[in-house]
Amino acid sequence: MAFVRTITYTFPYANISELETGTDTWLRLVSAHKLIAQESEGMLDTGVWMTQDADGSVRVTSVTEWYSVEDLDSFATDPDVRLHETEVTKLTTGTPKVEIYEVIG
């Protein structure tokens, strides 16, 4: 079994330029997220998906997959992860949506 953590941010249309390759926000969402996950115990996979809504806003979902809930929790509470998530949230609307799934089968 494995455990998946997703965190979804919604960027208003006015802030989508922050998601261009090489910007601070892009580096936090993609590069730093991947680097911290790869250096964490129990990481199986990681990825980032971006979807643009009809109103022009962009939803960004960061996904990590872990061997155990303890490994997932250790990553989610890592001070560097918390810092990056806090900084990204400053450019988004609403609270990020965090979901945890158990992979069965």
C-alpha atoms as a PDB file:
ATOM      1  CA  MET A   1       0.000   0.000   0.000  1.00  0.00           C
ATOM      2  CA  ALA A   2       0.991   3.596  -0.529  1.00  0.00           C
ATOM      3  CA  PHE A   3      -0.340   6.979   0.547  1.00  0.00           C
ATOM      4  CA  VAL A   4      -0.817  10.053  -1.633  1.00  0.00           C
ATOM      5  CA  ARG A   5      -0.920  13.678  -0.536  1.00  0.00           C
ATOM      6  CA  THR A   6      -2.242  16.365  -2.860  1.00  0.00           C
ATOM      7  CA  ILE A   7      -2.298  20.097  -2.264  1.00  0.00           C
ATOM      8  CA  THR A   8      -4.229  22.265  -4.709  1.00  0.00           C
ATOM      9  CA  TYR A   9      -3.770  26.026  -5.066  1.00  0.00           C
ATOM     10  CA  THR A  10      -5.944  28.353  -7.156  1.00  0.00           C
ATOM     11  CA  PHE A  11      -4.168  31.309  -8.751  1.00  0.00           C
ATOM     12  CA  PRO A  12      -6.370  34.183  -9.965  1.00  0.00           C
ATOM     13  CA  TYR A  13      -5.887  35.224 -13.582  1.00  0.00           C
ATOM     14  CA  ALA A  14      -4.008  38.342 -12.448  1.00  0.00           C
ATOM     15  CA  ASN A  15      -1.262  36.161 -10.886  1.00  0.00           C
ATOM     16  CA  ILE A  16      -0.739  33.506 -13.556  1.00  0.00           C
ATOM     17  CA  SER A  17       2.436  35.200 -14.773  1.00  0.00           C
ATOM     18  CA  GLU A  18       3.906  34.007 -11.444  1.00  0.00           C
ATOM     19  CA  LEU A  19       3.715  30.475 -12.874  1.00  0.00           C
ATOM     20  CA  GLU A  20       6.125  31.071 -15.761  1.00  0.00           C
ATOM     21  CA  THR A  21       9.171  28.814 -15.855  1.00  0.00           C
ATOM     22  CA  GLY A  22      11.979  30.205 -13.707  1.00  0.00           C
ATOM     23  CA  THR A  23       9.898  32.475 -11.471  1.00  0.00           C
ATOM     24  CA  ASP A  24      10.186  32.149  -7.711  1.00  0.00           C
ATOM     25  CA  THR A  25       6.706  30.633  -7.487  1.00  0.00           C
ATOM     26  CA  TRP A  26       7.412  28.096 -10.233  1.00  0.00           C
ATOM     27  CA  LEU A  27      10.653  27.083  -8.522  1.00  0.00           C
ATOM     28  CA  ARG A  28       8.802  26.594  -5.215  1.00  0.00           C
ATOM     29  CA  LEU A  29       6.007  24.553  -6.811  1.00  0.00           C
ATOM     30  CA  VAL A  30       8.138  22.380  -9.065  1.00  0.00           C
ATOM     31  CA  SER A  31      11.866  22.323  -8.346  1.00  0.00           C
ATOM     32  CA  ALA A  32      11.919  22.765  -4.557  1.00  0.00           C
ATOM     33  CA  HIS A  33       8.894  20.499  -4.105  1.00  0.00           C
ATOM     34  CA  LYS A  34      10.583  17.712  -6.079  1.00  0.00           C
ATOM     35  CA  LEU A  35      13.976  18.157  -4.411  1.00  0.00           C
ATOM     36  CA  ILE A  36      12.569  18.078  -0.869  1.00  0.00           C
ATOM     37  CA  ALA A  37      10.394  15.045  -1.691  1.00  0.00           C
ATOM     38  CA  GLN A  38      13.310  13.150  -3.236  1.00  0.00           C
ATOM     39  CA  GLU A  39      15.439  13.777  -0.168  1.00  0.00           C
ATOM     40  CA  SER A  40      12.688  12.580   2.182  1.00  0.00           C
ATOM     41  CA  GLU A  41      12.412   9.056   3.548  1.00  0.00           C
ATOM     42  CA  GLY A  42       9.774   6.884   1.886  1.00  0.00           C
ATOM     43  CA  MET A  43       8.981   8.951  -1.212  1.00  0.00           C
ATOM     44  CA  LEU A  44       7.668   6.896  -4.155  1.00  0.00           C
ATOM     45  CA  ASP A  45       6.622   9.513  -6.721  1.00  0.00           C
ATOM     46  CA  THR A  46       5.951  13.217  -7.138  1.00  0.00           C
ATOM     47  CA  GLY A  47       4.393  15.490  -9.724  1.00  0.00           C
ATOM     48  CA  VAL A  48       2.666  18.802 -10.419  1.00  0.00           C
ATOM     49  CA  TRP A  49      -0.406  19.380 -12.599  1.00  0.00           C
ATOM     50  CA  MET A  50      -1.741  22.719 -13.824  1.00  0.00           C
ATOM     51  CA  THR A  51      -5.264  23.282 -15.155  1.00  0.00           C
ATOM     52  CA  GLN A  52      -6.761  26.540 -16.396  1.00  0.00           C
ATOM     53  CA  ASP A  53     -10.407  27.167 -15.543  1.00  0.00           C
ATOM     54  CA  ALA A  54     -12.965  28.950 -17.741  1.00  0.00           C
ATOM     55  CA  ASP A  55     -12.563  32.187 -15.732  1.00  0.00           C
ATOM     56  CA  GLY A  56      -8.812  32.226 -16.453  1.00  0.00           C
ATOM     57  CA  SER A  57      -7.719  31.142 -12.985  1.00  0.00           C
ATOM     58  CA  VAL A  58      -5.191  28.325 -12.762  1.00  0.00           C
ATOM     59  CA  ARG A  59      -5.369  25.366 -10.391  1.00  0.00           C
ATOM     60  CA  VAL A  60      -2.018  23.854  -9.480  1.00  0.00           C
ATOM     61  CA  THR A  61      -1.970  20.454  -7.795  1.00  0.00           C
ATOM     62  CA  SER A  62       1.214  19.107  -6.230  1.00  0.00           C
ATOM     63  CA  VAL A  63       1.193  15.351  -5.655  1.00  0.00           C
ATOM     64  CA  THR A  64       3.506  13.165  -3.590  1.00  0.00           C
ATOM     65  CA  GLU A  65       3.243   9.421  -2.984  1.00  0.00           C
ATOM     66  CA  TRP A  66       4.687   7.737   0.112  1.00  0.00           C
ATOM     67  CA  TYR A  67       5.318   4.262   1.545  1.00  0.00           C
ATOM     68  CA  SER A  68       3.657   5.124   4.858  1.00  0.00           C
ATOM     69  CA  VAL A  69       1.484   7.741   6.529  1.00  0.00           C
ATOM     70  CA  GLU A  70       4.435   8.534   8.814  1.00  0.00           C
ATOM     71  CA  ASP A  71       6.639   9.307   5.783  1.00  0.00           C
ATOM     72  CA  LEU A  72       3.863  11.464   4.301  1.00  0.00           C
ATOM     73  CA  ASP A  73       3.395  13.319   7.585  1.00  0.00           C
ATOM     74  CA  SER A  74       7.128  13.871   7.967  1.00  0.00           C
ATOM     75  CA  PHE A  75       7.227  15.506   4.516  1.00  0.00           C
ATOM     76  CA  ALA A  76       4.075  17.586   5.092  1.00  0.00           C
ATOM     77  CA  THR A  77       5.406  18.984   8.362  1.00  0.00           C
ATOM     78  CA  ASP A  78       8.955  19.623   7.110  1.00  0.00           C
ATOM     79  CA  PRO A  79       9.790  23.294   7.818  1.00  0.00           C
ATOM     80  CA  ASP A  80      11.001  23.863   4.238  1.00  0.00           C
ATOM     81  CA  VAL A  81       7.792  22.422   2.784  1.00  0.00           C
ATOM     82  CA  ARG A  82       5.704  24.574   5.125  1.00  0.00           C
ATOM     83  CA  LEU A  83       7.696  27.685   4.136  1.00  0.00           C
ATOM     84  CA  HIS A  84       7.216  27.076   0.402  1.00  0.00           C
ATOM     85  CA  GLU A  85       3.508  26.333   0.830  1.00  0.00           C
ATOM     86  CA  THR A  86       3.045  29.524   2.869  1.00  0.00           C
ATOM     87  CA  GLU A  87       4.836  31.657   0.260  1.00  0.00           C
ATOM     88  CA  VAL A  88       2.835  30.163  -2.627  1.00  0.00           C
ATOM     89  CA  THR A  89      -0.433  30.706  -0.744  1.00  0.00           C
ATOM     90  CA  LYS A  90       0.247  34.470  -0.647  1.00  0.00           C
ATOM     91  CA  LEU A  91      -0.456  34.572  -4.413  1.00  0.00           C
ATOM     92  CA  THR A  92      -3.560  32.374  -4.434  1.00  0.00           C
ATOM     93  CA  THR A  93      -7.229  32.728  -3.658  1.00  0.00           C
ATOM     94  CA  GLY A  94      -8.652  30.848  -0.724  1.00  0.00           C
ATOM     95  CA  THR A  95      -7.008  28.202   1.397  1.00  0.00           C
ATOM     96  CA  PRO A  96      -5.132  25.430  -0.416  1.00  0.00           C
ATOM     97  CA  LYS A  97      -7.020  22.140  -0.492  1.00  0.00           C
ATOM     98  CA  VAL A  98      -5.054  19.228   1.010  1.00  0.00           C
ATOM     99  CA  GLU A  99      -6.229  15.669   0.430  1.00  0.00           C
ATOM    100  CA  ILE A 100      -4.773  12.343   1.572  1.00  0.00           C
ATOM    101  CA  TYR A 101      -5.505   9.062  -0.237  1.00  0.00           C
ATOM    102  CA  GLU A 102      -4.610   5.452   0.425  1.00  0.00           C
ATOM    103  CA  VAL A 103      -3.687   3.454  -2.677  1.00  0.00           C
ATOM    104  CA  ILE A 104      -5.317   0.033  -2.495  1.00  0.00           C
ATOM    105  CA  GLY A 105      -4.334  -2.877  -4.700  1.00  0.00           C
END
